[in-house]
């Protein structure tokens, strides 16, 4: 299992090829927050593999919002319940082929952004996908240790890591 912890940065063509080849052959990749999906912005292939790219977090840190579990039947989110977070609420560009496990509602009351005039919509928070034979799990939560340690998130994150490692 590869757990990237790299915000922004650059990935050379050779580095990307080695990483994506490993995942295509069955190595899992799982991560959270900017450490996985705000990395290597110039690499379209990395973004195809992970299924998303960070764009913004309107309101910055301290926004209170709800994470809604949308697939209670998946092994990662089985028995999980909706929960509240006070942190950065990620606005992302996401691959429509992601298997979304949980979402958050935009816009959040009192938080303006360029998306606000377009009405309400759901933004994925957790998802899975496949890249070749490799399993991908992502959580947009994780700005601080306290957010990672929220019991509902920690359980989902642990299961997501195990699922991506093909151990669950």
Protein backbone atom coordinates (compact mmCIF):
# COMPACT_ATOMS: atom_id res chain seq x y z
CA UNK A 1 0.00 0.00 0.00
CA UNK A 2 1.29 3.44 -0.92
CA UNK A 3 0.18 6.28 1.36
CA UNK A 4 1.27 9.55 -0.22
CA UNK A 5 1.89 12.53 2.04
CA UNK A 6 2.95 15.20 -0.42
CA UNK A 7 1.29 18.53 -1.00
CA UNK A 8 1.83 20.22 -4.34
CA UNK A 9 5.30 19.38 -5.69
CA UNK A 10 6.26 18.00 -9.06
CA UNK A 11 6.36 14.46 -10.33
CA UNK A 12 8.66 13.72 -13.25
CA UNK A 13 7.38 11.68 -16.16
CA UNK A 14 9.55 8.72 -15.06
CA UNK A 15 8.41 8.97 -11.43
CA UNK A 16 4.77 9.09 -12.51
CA UNK A 17 5.29 6.12 -14.83
CA UNK A 18 6.82 4.01 -12.03
CA UNK A 19 4.06 4.96 -9.57
CA UNK A 20 1.15 4.41 -11.94
CA UNK A 21 2.66 1.15 -13.24
CA UNK A 22 2.88 -0.21 -9.68
CA UNK A 23 -0.74 0.72 -9.00
CA UNK A 24 -1.93 -0.68 -12.34
CA UNK A 25 -0.26 -3.97 -11.35
CA UNK A 26 -2.19 -4.15 -8.07
CA UNK A 27 -0.45 -1.98 -5.48
CA UNK A 28 -3.06 0.02 -3.57
CA UNK A 29 -2.87 3.74 -2.90
CA UNK A 30 -4.80 5.53 -0.17
CA UNK A 31 -4.54 8.87 1.50
CA UNK A 32 -6.20 11.98 2.73
CA UNK A 33 -6.52 15.70 2.36
CA UNK A 34 -3.85 17.62 0.47
CA UNK A 35 -1.31 14.85 1.04
CA UNK A 36 -2.86 12.86 -1.79
CA UNK A 37 -5.18 15.04 -3.86
CA UNK A 38 -3.35 18.35 -3.76
CA UNK A 39 -0.18 16.74 -5.02
CA UNK A 40 1.44 16.89 -8.42
CA UNK A 41 -1.04 19.34 -9.94
CA UNK A 42 0.73 19.22 -13.31
CA UNK A 43 0.33 15.45 -13.67
CA UNK A 44 -2.96 14.57 -15.33
CA UNK A 45 -2.15 10.84 -15.05
CA UNK A 46 -1.71 11.13 -11.26
CA UNK A 47 -5.09 12.87 -11.09
CA UNK A 48 -6.71 10.16 -13.25
CA UNK A 49 -5.30 7.59 -10.83
CA UNK A 50 -6.40 9.32 -7.61
CA UNK A 51 -9.75 10.50 -8.93
CA UNK A 52 -9.59 14.10 -7.82
CA UNK A 53 -7.70 17.35 -7.43
CA UNK A 54 -8.09 20.00 -4.74
CA UNK A 55 -9.28 23.39 -5.95
CA UNK A 56 -10.10 25.44 -2.85
CA UNK A 57 -11.47 25.43 0.69
CA UNK A 58 -13.88 28.37 0.86
CA UNK A 59 -13.93 29.86 4.35
CA UNK A 60 -10.52 28.29 5.08
CA UNK A 61 -10.10 26.38 8.35
CA UNK A 62 -12.87 26.34 10.95
CA UNK A 63 -15.89 25.80 8.69
CA UNK A 64 -18.47 23.59 10.39
CA UNK A 65 -20.14 21.13 8.05
CA UNK A 66 -21.73 17.71 7.94
CA UNK A 67 -20.28 14.65 6.24
CA UNK A 68 -23.12 12.53 4.89
CA UNK A 69 -22.52 8.82 4.39
CA UNK A 70 -24.00 7.96 0.99
CA UNK A 71 -23.14 4.26 0.72
CA UNK A 72 -23.85 2.43 3.96
CA UNK A 73 -23.46 -0.96 2.25
CA UNK A 74 -19.79 -0.60 1.31
CA UNK A 75 -17.35 -2.45 3.59
CA UNK A 76 -15.53 0.85 4.30
CA UNK A 77 -18.62 2.73 5.45
CA UNK A 78 -20.72 -0.14 6.83
CA UNK A 79 -22.48 1.00 10.01
CA UNK A 80 -21.03 4.53 9.66
CA UNK A 81 -23.25 7.48 10.46
CA UNK A 82 -23.21 11.10 9.35
CA UNK A 83 -20.97 13.36 11.45
CA UNK A 84 -19.99 16.99 11.86
CA UNK A 85 -16.53 18.37 11.16
CA UNK A 86 -15.02 21.78 11.90
CA UNK A 87 -12.12 22.17 9.50
CA UNK A 88 -11.41 22.94 5.86
CA UNK A 89 -14.27 21.94 3.57
CA UNK A 90 -12.66 20.79 0.34
CA UNK A 91 -13.99 21.95 -3.01
CA UNK A 92 -12.50 19.56 -5.58
CA UNK A 93 -12.53 18.57 -9.19
CA UNK A 94 -13.53 14.92 -9.09
CA UNK A 95 -13.71 12.07 -11.56
CA UNK A 96 -17.34 11.14 -12.23
CA UNK A 97 -16.37 7.45 -12.19
CA UNK A 98 -15.41 7.55 -8.49
CA UNK A 99 -17.48 5.36 -6.19
CA UNK A 100 -18.56 8.02 -3.69
CA UNK A 101 -18.99 6.85 -0.09
CA UNK A 102 -19.67 10.20 1.58
CA UNK A 103 -20.37 13.81 0.64
CA UNK A 104 -20.70 17.29 2.08
CA UNK A 105 -23.18 19.96 1.05
CA UNK A 106 -22.08 23.22 -0.58
CA UNK A 107 -22.50 26.10 -0.04
CA UNK A 108 -22.12 26.09 3.72
CA UNK A 109 -24.19 28.75 5.48
CA UNK A 110 -22.16 31.93 5.86
CA UNK A 111 -19.31 30.82 3.59
CA UNK A 112 -19.11 32.59 0.25
CA UNK A 113 -17.21 31.44 -2.77
CA UNK A 114 -17.44 31.48 -6.58
CA UNK A 115 -19.65 28.38 -6.41
CA UNK A 116 -22.33 30.10 -4.26
CA UNK A 117 -24.52 31.55 -7.08
CA UNK A 118 -24.88 28.08 -8.62
CA UNK A 119 -27.11 26.67 -5.90
CA UNK A 120 -26.67 23.70 -3.60
CA UNK A 121 -24.74 20.60 -4.56
CA UNK A 122 -22.99 17.62 -2.98
CA UNK A 123 -19.20 17.39 -3.00
CA UNK A 124 -17.54 13.99 -2.50
CA UNK A 125 -15.56 13.58 0.74
CA UNK A 126 -14.66 9.85 0.54
CA UNK A 127 -14.38 7.68 -2.53
CA UNK A 128 -12.94 4.50 -3.96
CA UNK A 129 -11.92 3.63 -7.47
CA UNK A 130 -9.73 1.22 -9.41
CA UNK A 131 -6.72 2.06 -11.51
CA UNK A 132 -5.82 -1.06 -13.42
CA UNK A 133 -5.71 -3.75 -10.73
CA UNK A 134 -4.91 -1.23 -7.98
CA UNK A 135 -7.45 -0.05 -5.43
CA UNK A 136 -7.68 3.65 -4.59
CA UNK A 137 -9.22 5.17 -1.44
CA UNK A 138 -9.35 8.89 -0.67
CA UNK A 139 -10.65 11.08 2.16
CA UNK A 140 -10.64 14.86 1.82
CA UNK A 141 -10.58 15.17 5.62
CA UNK A 142 -7.26 15.45 7.40
CA UNK A 143 -6.19 19.06 7.90
CA UNK A 144 -5.20 18.33 11.49
CA UNK A 145 -4.61 15.33 13.75
CA UNK A 146 -7.83 16.21 15.58
CA UNK A 147 -9.85 15.87 12.36
CA UNK A 148 -8.21 12.56 11.46
CA UNK A 149 -8.98 11.31 14.99
CA UNK A 150 -12.72 12.02 14.86
CA UNK A 151 -13.99 8.51 15.68
CA UNK A 152 -16.30 8.23 12.65
CA UNK A 153 -13.56 9.44 10.30
CA UNK A 154 -10.83 7.34 11.87
CA UNK A 155 -12.90 4.18 11.43
CA UNK A 156 -13.63 5.00 7.77
CA UNK A 157 -10.02 5.97 7.12
CA UNK A 158 -8.65 2.77 8.68
CA UNK A 159 -11.06 0.66 6.66
CA UNK A 160 -10.18 2.63 3.52
CA UNK A 161 -6.49 1.90 4.01
CA UNK A 162 -7.23 -1.80 4.54
CA UNK A 163 -9.54 -1.91 1.51
CA UNK A 164 -6.94 -0.26 -0.73
CA UNK A 165 -4.33 -2.75 0.54
CA UNK A 166 -6.76 -5.53 -0.46
CA UNK A 167 -6.99 -6.65 3.18
CA UNK A 168 -10.67 -5.93 3.65
